[in-house]
Every structure is written in structure tokens, then in C-alpha cells.
C-alpha atoms as a PDB file:
ATOM      1  CA  MET A   1     -16.312  -6.833  14.542  1.00  0.00           C
ATOM      2  CA  SER A   2     -13.680  -4.158  13.938  1.00  0.00           C
ATOM      3  CA  ALA A   3     -11.949  -3.584  10.589  1.00  0.00           C
ATOM      4  CA  TRP A   4      -8.723  -4.998  12.071  1.00  0.00           C
ATOM      5  CA  GLU A   5     -10.563  -8.137  13.172  1.00  0.00           C
ATOM      6  CA  ASP A   6     -12.131  -8.437   9.723  1.00  0.00           C
ATOM      7  CA  LEU A   7      -8.667  -8.290   8.182  1.00  0.00           C
ATOM      8  CA  GLN A   8      -7.328 -10.988  10.483  1.00  0.00           C
ATOM      9  CA  LYS A   9     -10.328 -13.182   9.760  1.00  0.00           C
ATOM     10  CA  ALA A  10      -9.616 -12.870   6.044  1.00  0.00           C
ATOM     11  CA  ALA A  11      -5.816 -13.003   5.987  1.00  0.00           C
ATOM     12  CA  GLY A  12      -4.747 -14.668   9.216  1.00  0.00           C
ATOM     13  CA  PRO A  13      -2.605 -12.979  11.886  1.00  0.00           C
ATOM     14  CA  VAL A  14      -1.845  -9.382  10.882  1.00  0.00           C
ATOM     15  CA  SER A  15      -0.051  -6.775  12.973  1.00  0.00           C
ATOM     16  CA  ARG A  16      -1.658  -3.496  13.942  1.00  0.00           C
ATOM     17  CA  GLU A  17       1.031  -1.704  11.953  1.00  0.00           C
ATOM     18  CA  THR A  18       0.160  -3.583   8.737  1.00  0.00           C
ATOM     19  CA  PHE A  19      -3.520  -2.895   9.317  1.00  0.00           C
ATOM     20  CA  GLU A  20      -2.836   0.840   9.638  1.00  0.00           C
ATOM     21  CA  ARG A  21      -0.637   0.796   6.543  1.00  0.00           C
ATOM     22  CA  LEU A  22      -3.445  -0.829   4.553  1.00  0.00           C
ATOM     23  CA  GLN A  23      -5.859   1.819   5.799  1.00  0.00           C
ATOM     24  CA  ALA A  24      -3.469   4.513   4.579  1.00  0.00           C
ATOM     25  CA  PHE A  25      -3.166   2.696   1.244  1.00  0.00           C
ATOM     26  CA  GLU A  26      -6.964   2.694   0.942  1.00  0.00           C
ATOM     27  CA  GLN A  27      -7.026   6.490   1.195  1.00  0.00           C
ATOM     28  CA  LEU A  28      -4.180   6.862  -1.291  1.00  0.00           C
ATOM     29  CA  PHE A  29      -5.976   4.543  -3.697  1.00  0.00           C
ATOM     30  CA  LEU A  30      -9.125   6.661  -3.525  1.00  0.00           C
ATOM     31  CA  LYS A  31      -7.085   9.808  -4.132  1.00  0.00           C
ATOM     32  CA  TRP A  32      -5.383   8.380  -7.225  1.00  0.00           C
ATOM     33  CA  ASN A  33      -8.643   6.924  -8.485  1.00  0.00           C
ATOM     34  CA  ARG A  34     -10.022  10.420  -8.947  1.00  0.00           C
ATOM     35  CA  SER A  35      -7.560  10.930 -11.819  1.00  0.00           C
ATOM     36  CA  ILE A  36      -6.880   7.344 -12.950  1.00  0.00           C
ATOM     37  CA  ASN A  37      -9.612   4.736 -13.331  1.00  0.00           C
ATOM     38  CA  LEU A  38      -8.251   2.076 -10.971  1.00  0.00           C
ATOM     39  CA  ALA A  39     -11.518   0.334 -10.065  1.00  0.00           C
ATOM     40  CA  ALA A  40     -15.145   0.227 -11.118  1.00  0.00           C
ATOM     41  CA  PRO A  41     -17.066   3.213  -9.685  1.00  0.00           C
ATOM     42  CA  SER A  42     -19.749   0.871  -8.335  1.00  0.00           C
ATOM     43  CA  THR A  43     -17.206  -0.699  -5.959  1.00  0.00           C
ATOM     44  CA  LEU A  44     -15.790   2.482  -4.452  1.00  0.00           C
ATOM     45  CA  ASP A  45     -18.364   2.742  -1.662  1.00  0.00           C
ATOM     46  CA  ASP A  46     -16.730  -0.212   0.114  1.00  0.00           C
ATOM     47  CA  VAL A  47     -13.105  -0.487  -1.012  1.00  0.00           C
ATOM     48  CA  TRP A  48     -12.091  -2.119   2.256  1.00  0.00           C
ATOM     49  CA  ARG A  49     -14.340  -5.176   1.876  1.00  0.00           C
ATOM     50  CA  ARG A  50     -14.737  -5.433  -1.888  1.00  0.00           C
ATOM     51  CA  HIS A  51     -11.070  -4.979  -2.747  1.00  0.00           C
ATOM     52  CA  ILE A  52      -8.735  -5.100   0.244  1.00  0.00           C
ATOM     53  CA  LEU A  53     -10.304  -7.942   2.251  1.00  0.00           C
ATOM     54  CA  ASP A  54     -11.139  -9.771  -0.970  1.00  0.00           C
ATOM     55  CA  SER A  55      -7.453  -9.644  -1.908  1.00  0.00           C
ATOM     56  CA  ALA A  56      -6.122 -10.372   1.580  1.00  0.00           C
ATOM     57  CA  GLN A  57      -7.851 -13.736   1.842  1.00  0.00           C
ATOM     58  CA  LEU A  58      -5.239 -15.255  -0.484  1.00  0.00           C
ATOM     59  CA  ALA A  59      -2.642 -14.881   2.263  1.00  0.00           C
ATOM     60  CA  ARG A  60      -4.541 -17.335   4.448  1.00  0.00           C
ATOM     61  CA  ILE A  61      -4.598 -19.952   1.679  1.00  0.00           C
ATOM     62  CA  ALA A  62      -0.816 -19.817   1.199  1.00  0.00           C
ATOM     63  CA  PRO A  63       0.586 -18.730   4.589  1.00  0.00           C
ATOM     64  CA  ALA A  64       4.132 -19.958   3.937  1.00  0.00           C
ATOM     65  CA  ALA A  65       4.630 -18.858   0.316  1.00  0.00           C
ATOM     66  CA  MET A  66       7.467 -16.395  -0.189  1.00  0.00           C
ATOM     67  CA  ARG A  67       7.614 -15.715  -3.956  1.00  0.00           C
ATOM     68  CA  TRP A  68       4.473 -14.420  -5.648  1.00  0.00           C
ATOM     69  CA  VAL A  69       3.512 -12.904  -8.990  1.00  0.00           C
ATOM     70  CA  ASP A  70       0.274 -11.027  -9.700  1.00  0.00           C
ATOM     71  CA  LEU A  71      -0.891 -10.731 -13.305  1.00  0.00           C
ATOM     72  CA  GLY A  72      -2.679  -7.593 -14.463  1.00  0.00           C
ATOM     73  CA  SER A  73      -2.261  -5.875 -11.106  1.00  0.00           C
ATOM     74  CA  GLY A  74      -4.230  -2.746 -12.094  1.00  0.00           C
ATOM     75  CA  GLY A  75      -5.106  -0.823  -8.945  1.00  0.00           C
ATOM     76  CA  GLY A  76      -3.173  -3.242  -6.759  1.00  0.00           C
ATOM     77  CA  PHE A  77      -5.714  -5.984  -6.139  1.00  0.00           C
ATOM     78  CA  PRO A  78      -4.688  -8.487  -5.069  1.00  0.00           C
ATOM     79  CA  GLY A  79      -0.973  -7.818  -5.683  1.00  0.00           C
ATOM     80  CA  LEU A  80      -0.311  -4.676  -3.650  1.00  0.00           C
ATOM     81  CA  VAL A  81      -2.467  -5.849  -0.756  1.00  0.00           C
ATOM     82  CA  LEU A  82      -0.489  -9.075  -0.680  1.00  0.00           C
ATOM     83  CA  GLY A  83       2.705  -7.021  -0.767  1.00  0.00           C
ATOM     84  CA  PHE A  84       1.685  -5.226   2.417  1.00  0.00           C
ATOM     85  CA  LEU A  85       0.954  -8.563   4.076  1.00  0.00           C
ATOM     86  CA  LEU A  86       4.170 -10.164   2.804  1.00  0.00           C
ATOM     87  CA  ALA A  87       6.155  -7.449   4.579  1.00  0.00           C
ATOM     88  CA  GLU A  88       5.517  -9.524   7.709  1.00  0.00           C
ATOM     89  CA  ARG A  89       7.317 -12.499   6.128  1.00  0.00           C
ATOM     90  CA  PRO A  90      11.044 -11.602   6.037  1.00  0.00           C
ATOM     91  CA  GLY A  91      12.433 -12.298   2.578  1.00  0.00           C
ATOM     92  CA  ALA A  92       9.049 -12.569   0.851  1.00  0.00           C
ATOM     93  CA  SER A  93       8.225 -10.544  -2.265  1.00  0.00           C
ATOM     94  CA  ILE A  94       5.733 -10.193  -5.096  1.00  0.00           C
ATOM     95  CA  ASP A  95       6.081  -9.123  -8.729  1.00  0.00           C
ATOM     96  CA  LEU A  96       3.263  -6.970 -10.100  1.00  0.00           C
ATOM     97  CA  VAL A  97       2.813  -7.350 -13.866  1.00  0.00           C
ATOM     98  CA  GLU A  98       0.936  -4.368 -15.323  1.00  0.00           C
ATOM     99  CA  SER A  99       1.303  -3.089 -18.886  1.00  0.00           C
ATOM    100  CA  ASN A 100      -0.751   0.089 -18.404  1.00  0.00           C
ATOM    101  CA  ARG A 101       1.807   2.818 -17.722  1.00  0.00           C
ATOM    102  CA  LYS A 102      -0.425   4.993 -15.548  1.00  0.00           C
ATOM    103  CA  LYS A 103      -1.439   2.060 -13.380  1.00  0.00           C
ATOM    104  CA  ALA A 104       2.165   0.879 -13.217  1.00  0.00           C
ATOM    105  CA  SER A 105       3.134   4.365 -12.003  1.00  0.00           C
ATOM    106  CA  PHE A 106       0.522   4.154  -9.270  1.00  0.00           C
ATOM    107  CA  LEU A 107       1.821   0.756  -8.170  1.00  0.00           C
ATOM    108  CA  GLN A 108       5.407   2.039  -8.109  1.00  0.00           C
ATOM    109  CA  SER A 109       4.386   5.110  -6.126  1.00  0.00           C
ATOM    110  CA  VAL A 110       2.728   2.985  -3.428  1.00  0.00           C
ATOM    111  CA  ILE A 111       5.694   0.621  -3.265  1.00  0.00           C
ATOM    112  CA  GLY A 112       8.051   3.558  -2.767  1.00  0.00           C
ATOM    113  CA  GLN A 113       5.902   5.378  -0.234  1.00  0.00           C
ATOM    114  CA  PHE A 114       5.257   2.337   1.971  1.00  0.00           C
ATOM    115  CA  ASN A 115       8.413   0.321   1.252  1.00  0.00           C
ATOM    116  CA  VAL A 116       6.355  -2.665   0.081  1.00  0.00           C
ATOM    117  CA  PRO A 117       8.404  -5.770  -0.841  1.00  0.00           C
ATOM    118  CA  ALA A 118       7.223  -5.722  -4.449  1.00  0.00           C
ATOM    119  CA  ARG A 119       8.532  -5.072  -7.948  1.00  0.00           C
ATOM    120  CA  VAL A 120       6.567  -3.625 -10.856  1.00  0.00           C
ATOM    121  CA  GLN A 121       7.001  -5.302 -14.230  1.00  0.00           C
ATOM    122  CA  ALA A 122       5.583  -2.620 -16.545  1.00  0.00           C
ATOM    123  CA  ARG A 123       5.125  -4.898 -19.521  1.00  0.00           C
ATOM    124  CA  ARG A 124       2.850  -7.492 -21.059  1.00  0.00           C
ATOM    125  CA  ILE A 125       2.507 -10.793 -19.264  1.00  0.00           C
ATOM    126  CA  ASP A 126       4.116 -12.739 -22.094  1.00  0.00           C
ATOM    127  CA  ASP A 127       7.153 -10.454 -21.876  1.00  0.00           C
ATOM    128  CA  SER A 128       7.621 -11.114 -18.160  1.00  0.00           C
ATOM    129  CA  TYR A 129       8.235 -14.863 -18.006  1.00  0.00           C
ATOM    130  CA  LEU A 130      12.024 -14.602 -17.966  1.00  0.00           C
ATOM    131  CA  LEU A 131      11.967 -11.703 -15.487  1.00  0.00           C
ATOM    132  CA  VAL A 132       9.863 -13.462 -12.871  1.00  0.00           C
ATOM    133  CA  SER A 133      11.667 -16.679 -12.089  1.00  0.00           C
ATOM    134  CA  LYS A 134      10.161 -19.577 -10.172  1.00  0.00           C
ATOM    135  CA  PRO A 135       7.255 -17.978  -8.292  1.00  0.00           C
ATOM    136  CA  GLU A 136       5.476 -20.217  -5.819  1.00  0.00           C
ATOM    137  CA  ILE A 137       2.091 -18.531  -6.308  1.00  0.00           C
ATOM    138  CA  VAL A 138       0.508 -16.913  -9.371  1.00  0.00           C
ATOM    139  CA  THR A 139      -2.503 -14.672  -8.758  1.00  0.00           C
ATOM    140  CA  ALA A 140      -4.925 -12.736 -10.937  1.00  0.00           C
ATOM    141  CA  ARG A 141      -8.223 -10.995 -10.285  1.00  0.00           C
ATOM    142  CA  ALA A 142     -10.728  -9.857 -12.924  1.00  0.00           C
ATOM    143  CA  LEU A 143      -8.145 -10.342 -15.650  1.00  0.00           C
ATOM    144  CA  ALA A 144      -9.485 -12.995 -18.026  1.00  0.00           C
ATOM    145  CA  ALA A 145     -11.648 -16.105 -18.318  1.00  0.00           C
ATOM    146  CA  LEU A 146      -9.998 -19.164 -16.810  1.00  0.00           C
ATOM    147  CA  PRO A 147      -9.001 -20.838 -20.121  1.00  0.00           C
ATOM    148  CA  ASP A 148      -7.085 -17.705 -21.161  1.00  0.00           C
ATOM    149  CA  LEU A 149      -5.745 -17.223 -17.645  1.00  0.00           C
ATOM    150  CA  LEU A 150      -4.268 -20.711 -17.646  1.00  0.00           C
ATOM    151  CA  ASP A 151      -2.662 -20.067 -21.032  1.00  0.00           C
ATOM    152  CA  LEU A 152      -1.080 -16.862 -19.689  1.00  0.00           C
ATOM    153  CA  SER A 153       0.193 -18.436 -16.483  1.00  0.00           C
ATOM    154  CA  ALA A 154       1.179 -21.826 -17.941  1.00  0.00           C
ATOM    155  CA  PRO A 155       4.937 -21.063 -18.131  1.00  0.00           C
ATOM    156  CA  TRP A 156       4.900 -20.912 -14.323  1.00  0.00           C
ATOM    157  CA  LEU A 157       2.092 -23.321 -13.428  1.00  0.00           C
ATOM    158  CA  THR A 158       3.494 -26.150 -15.540  1.00  0.00           C
ATOM    159  CA  LYS A 159       6.768 -25.851 -13.622  1.00  0.00           C
ATOM    160  CA  GLY A 160       5.363 -26.249 -10.134  1.00  0.00           C
ATOM    161  CA  ALA A 161       3.790 -22.901  -9.257  1.00  0.00           C
ATOM    162  CA  ARG A 162       0.320 -22.816  -7.752  1.00  0.00           C
ATOM    163  CA  GLY A 163      -2.465 -20.617  -9.117  1.00  0.00           C
ATOM    164  CA  LEU A 164      -4.855 -18.691  -6.848  1.00  0.00           C
ATOM    165  CA  PHE A 165      -7.503 -17.049  -8.993  1.00  0.00           C
ATOM    166  CA  HIS A 166     -10.572 -15.053  -7.943  1.00  0.00           C
ATOM    167  CA  LYS A 167     -13.687 -16.132  -9.821  1.00  0.00           C
ATOM    168  CA  GLY A 168     -17.403 -15.307  -9.688  1.00  0.00           C
ATOM    169  CA  ARG A 169     -20.630 -17.252  -9.921  1.00  0.00           C
ATOM    170  CA  ASP A 170     -19.938 -18.644 -13.429  1.00  0.00           C
ATOM    171  CA  TYR A 171     -16.646 -20.275 -12.492  1.00  0.00           C
ATOM    172  CA  ARG A 172     -17.868 -23.834 -13.115  1.00  0.00           C
ATOM    173  CA  THR A 173     -18.442 -23.049 -16.785  1.00  0.00           C
ATOM    174  CA  GLU A 174     -14.933 -21.615 -17.025  1.00  0.00           C
ATOM    175  CA  VAL A 175     -13.477 -24.731 -15.383  1.00  0.00           C
ATOM    176  CA  GLU A 176     -15.293 -26.952 -17.885  1.00  0.00           C
ATOM    177  CA  GLU A 177     -14.084 -24.863 -20.824  1.00  0.00           C
ATOM    178  CA  SER A 178     -10.509 -25.025 -19.517  1.00  0.00           C
ATOM    179  CA  ALA A 179     -10.585 -28.817 -19.535  1.00  0.00           C
ATOM    180  CA  HIS A 180     -10.496 -28.833 -23.348  1.00  0.00           C
ATOM    181  CA  ARG A 181      -6.900 -27.600 -23.235  1.00  0.00           C
ATOM    182  CA  TRP A 182      -5.599 -28.238 -19.755  1.00  0.00           C
ATOM    183  CA  ALA A 183      -5.666 -30.854 -17.029  1.00  0.00           C
ATOM    184  CA  PHE A 184      -5.062 -29.772 -13.433  1.00  0.00           C
ATOM    185  CA  ASP A 185      -5.811 -30.440  -9.789  1.00  0.00           C
ATOM    186  CA  LEU A 186      -8.414 -28.064  -8.379  1.00  0.00           C
ATOM    187  CA  VAL A 187      -9.457 -26.943  -4.912  1.00  0.00           C
ATOM    188  CA  GLU A 188     -12.359 -24.498  -4.595  1.00  0.00           C
ATOM    189  CA  HIS A 189     -12.121 -22.090  -1.656  1.00  0.00           C
ATOM    190  CA  PRO A 190     -15.365 -20.202  -0.936  1.00  0.00           C
ATOM    191  CA  SER A 191     -14.779 -16.463  -0.984  1.00  0.00           C
ATOM    192  CA  MET A 192     -14.939 -14.790   2.416  1.00  0.00           C
ATOM    193  CA  THR A 193     -16.250 -11.549   0.879  1.00  0.00           C
ATOM    194  CA  ASP A 194     -18.559 -12.672  -1.930  1.00  0.00           C
ATOM    195  CA  ALA A 195     -21.297 -15.235  -1.362  1.00  0.00           C
ATOM    196  CA  HIS A 196     -21.142 -16.237  -5.027  1.00  0.00           C
ATOM    197  CA  GLY A 197     -17.372 -16.092  -5.439  1.00  0.00           C
ATOM    198  CA  VAL A 198     -14.549 -18.590  -5.074  1.00  0.00           C
ATOM    199  CA  ILE A 199     -10.782 -18.724  -5.071  1.00  0.00           C
ATOM    200  CA  LEU A 200      -9.662 -21.448  -7.465  1.00  0.00           C
ATOM    201  CA  GLU A 201      -6.462 -23.142  -6.321  1.00  0.00           C
ATOM    202  CA  ILE A 202      -4.849 -24.820  -9.323  1.00  0.00           C
ATOM    203  CA  THR A 203      -1.866 -27.144  -9.179  1.00  0.00           C
ATOM    204  CA  ASP A 204      -0.135 -29.652 -11.466  1.00  0.00           C
ATOM    205  CA  LEU A 205      -1.162 -27.867 -14.664  1.00  0.00           C
ATOM    206  CA  ARG A 206      -0.451 -29.948 -17.752  1.00  0.00           C
ATOM    207  CA  PRO A 207      -1.734 -30.161 -21.327  1.00  0.00           C
ATOM    208  CA  ALA A 208      -4.877 -32.260 -21.492  1.00  0.00           C
ATOM    209  CA  THR A 209      -4.596 -35.619 -23.194  1.00  0.00           C
ATOM    210  CA  ARG A 210      -7.362 -36.612 -25.580  1.00  0.00           C
ATOM    211  CA  ASN A 211      -9.014 -38.802 -22.952  1.00  0.00           C
ATOM    212  CA  GLU A 212      -8.882 -36.059 -20.328  1.00  0.00           C
ATOM    213  CA  SER A 213     -10.288 -33.413 -22.677  1.00  0.00           C
ATOM    214  CA  LEU A 214     -13.199 -35.695 -23.560  1.00  0.00           C
ATOM    215  CA  ALA A 215     -13.935 -36.625 -19.950  1.00  0.00           C
END
């Protein structure tokens, strides 16, 4: 299977142009990573699968969503990758929240070079709630344990947004720990790139009542 076919398997229908733009982004990412630590060195031997395809699979889960926000965007995963894919949805956009100035500069440079429909919010997450209004989807990857992640994204998720969060093999423990503070509807999507990973789809987030937290 070709790299383009792998991308379409992960993300759904993707044009050849978007595929080529993502390939160019991969090379730019590797260039910047030599001077800024954008990803763990152990993952750099397969950026396409471990970062780009891993990020792209969120597009298949929410194929109609137009307004996205990515928390702790770092090197652009999943936020920038989604931005490239959202370029095929006229009117769609994503906000990238990243407080690290060097990483925010990288994100802004990519957006400018490739005309990605994205905006960088170079600030802390809790300073961005009023700037990112009514997103449909909130994403985060390798940012925090689920209980903390729900606290950070609650201002959006409690108002109707849907969370799509990458998690690894210990996700069930994180879900159980989250139930002490939050109640929510959960769908587990097996990761297409990690045999032990999942994408947690969280909707209807609300503070847990005493009975729910003890369940």
C-alpha cells in the first residue's frame, strides 16, 4: 500500500495535492526539529506513521466538523495535520493553542508557508477560552492525563463540543479516575496506527453527581 493510500485509509478521502503538502510538511518538520525539540527522538524514524497518520485518523471520526481546537499543539500533532486536511472543507478551520513561543513560531511558519486554515493562540489553555468560541471538536495528544484534560477542556465540552483524545494502553485507568469528577458519554475508537492505542470520543461532559462518582 502506498503512502497516499495509507493516508486515505486513516483520514478518509484525501486529494493528491493534500497528500503532497503533508509530505512537504513532514520534511519541514524534520528540518525544524534539528533546532527545536518538536517530538521525541525515538519517534523520528517514522514521522509519517507515528505522527502524521496517527493525527489524520481524527478526520475520519468527525468528517463533517468545521470548527476545531487543538490543545498543546507542540509540533503540530494532531492540530497542523488536521489543518492540512481541513483545507479540503471550505470554511473549516482549527485553532492551535500552544504556550511555548518557539513551538508557536514553528506552527505559525507552517501556516504561512502552506496557507493552512489555522490560527495560533500563543498562550496558556486557560487564557484561550474566550478567544476560541464554540468549537465543535476539541483535540489533544500527549498533553495530560484524562482527568486533567477534561478539566482543561470543560469550558468547551460542557457546552456541546466533542472531545477526541489520543490515549495509550493505560486509558481505562484514566477513564476510571476521571469518573470521580466528571460524567460523560464515551466511545472508544481503536487507533489505526497503534495496536495499544485508542481515540476517546467524549460527549455530554457534566460534573459527576455523588451517585455517578461512586458508580
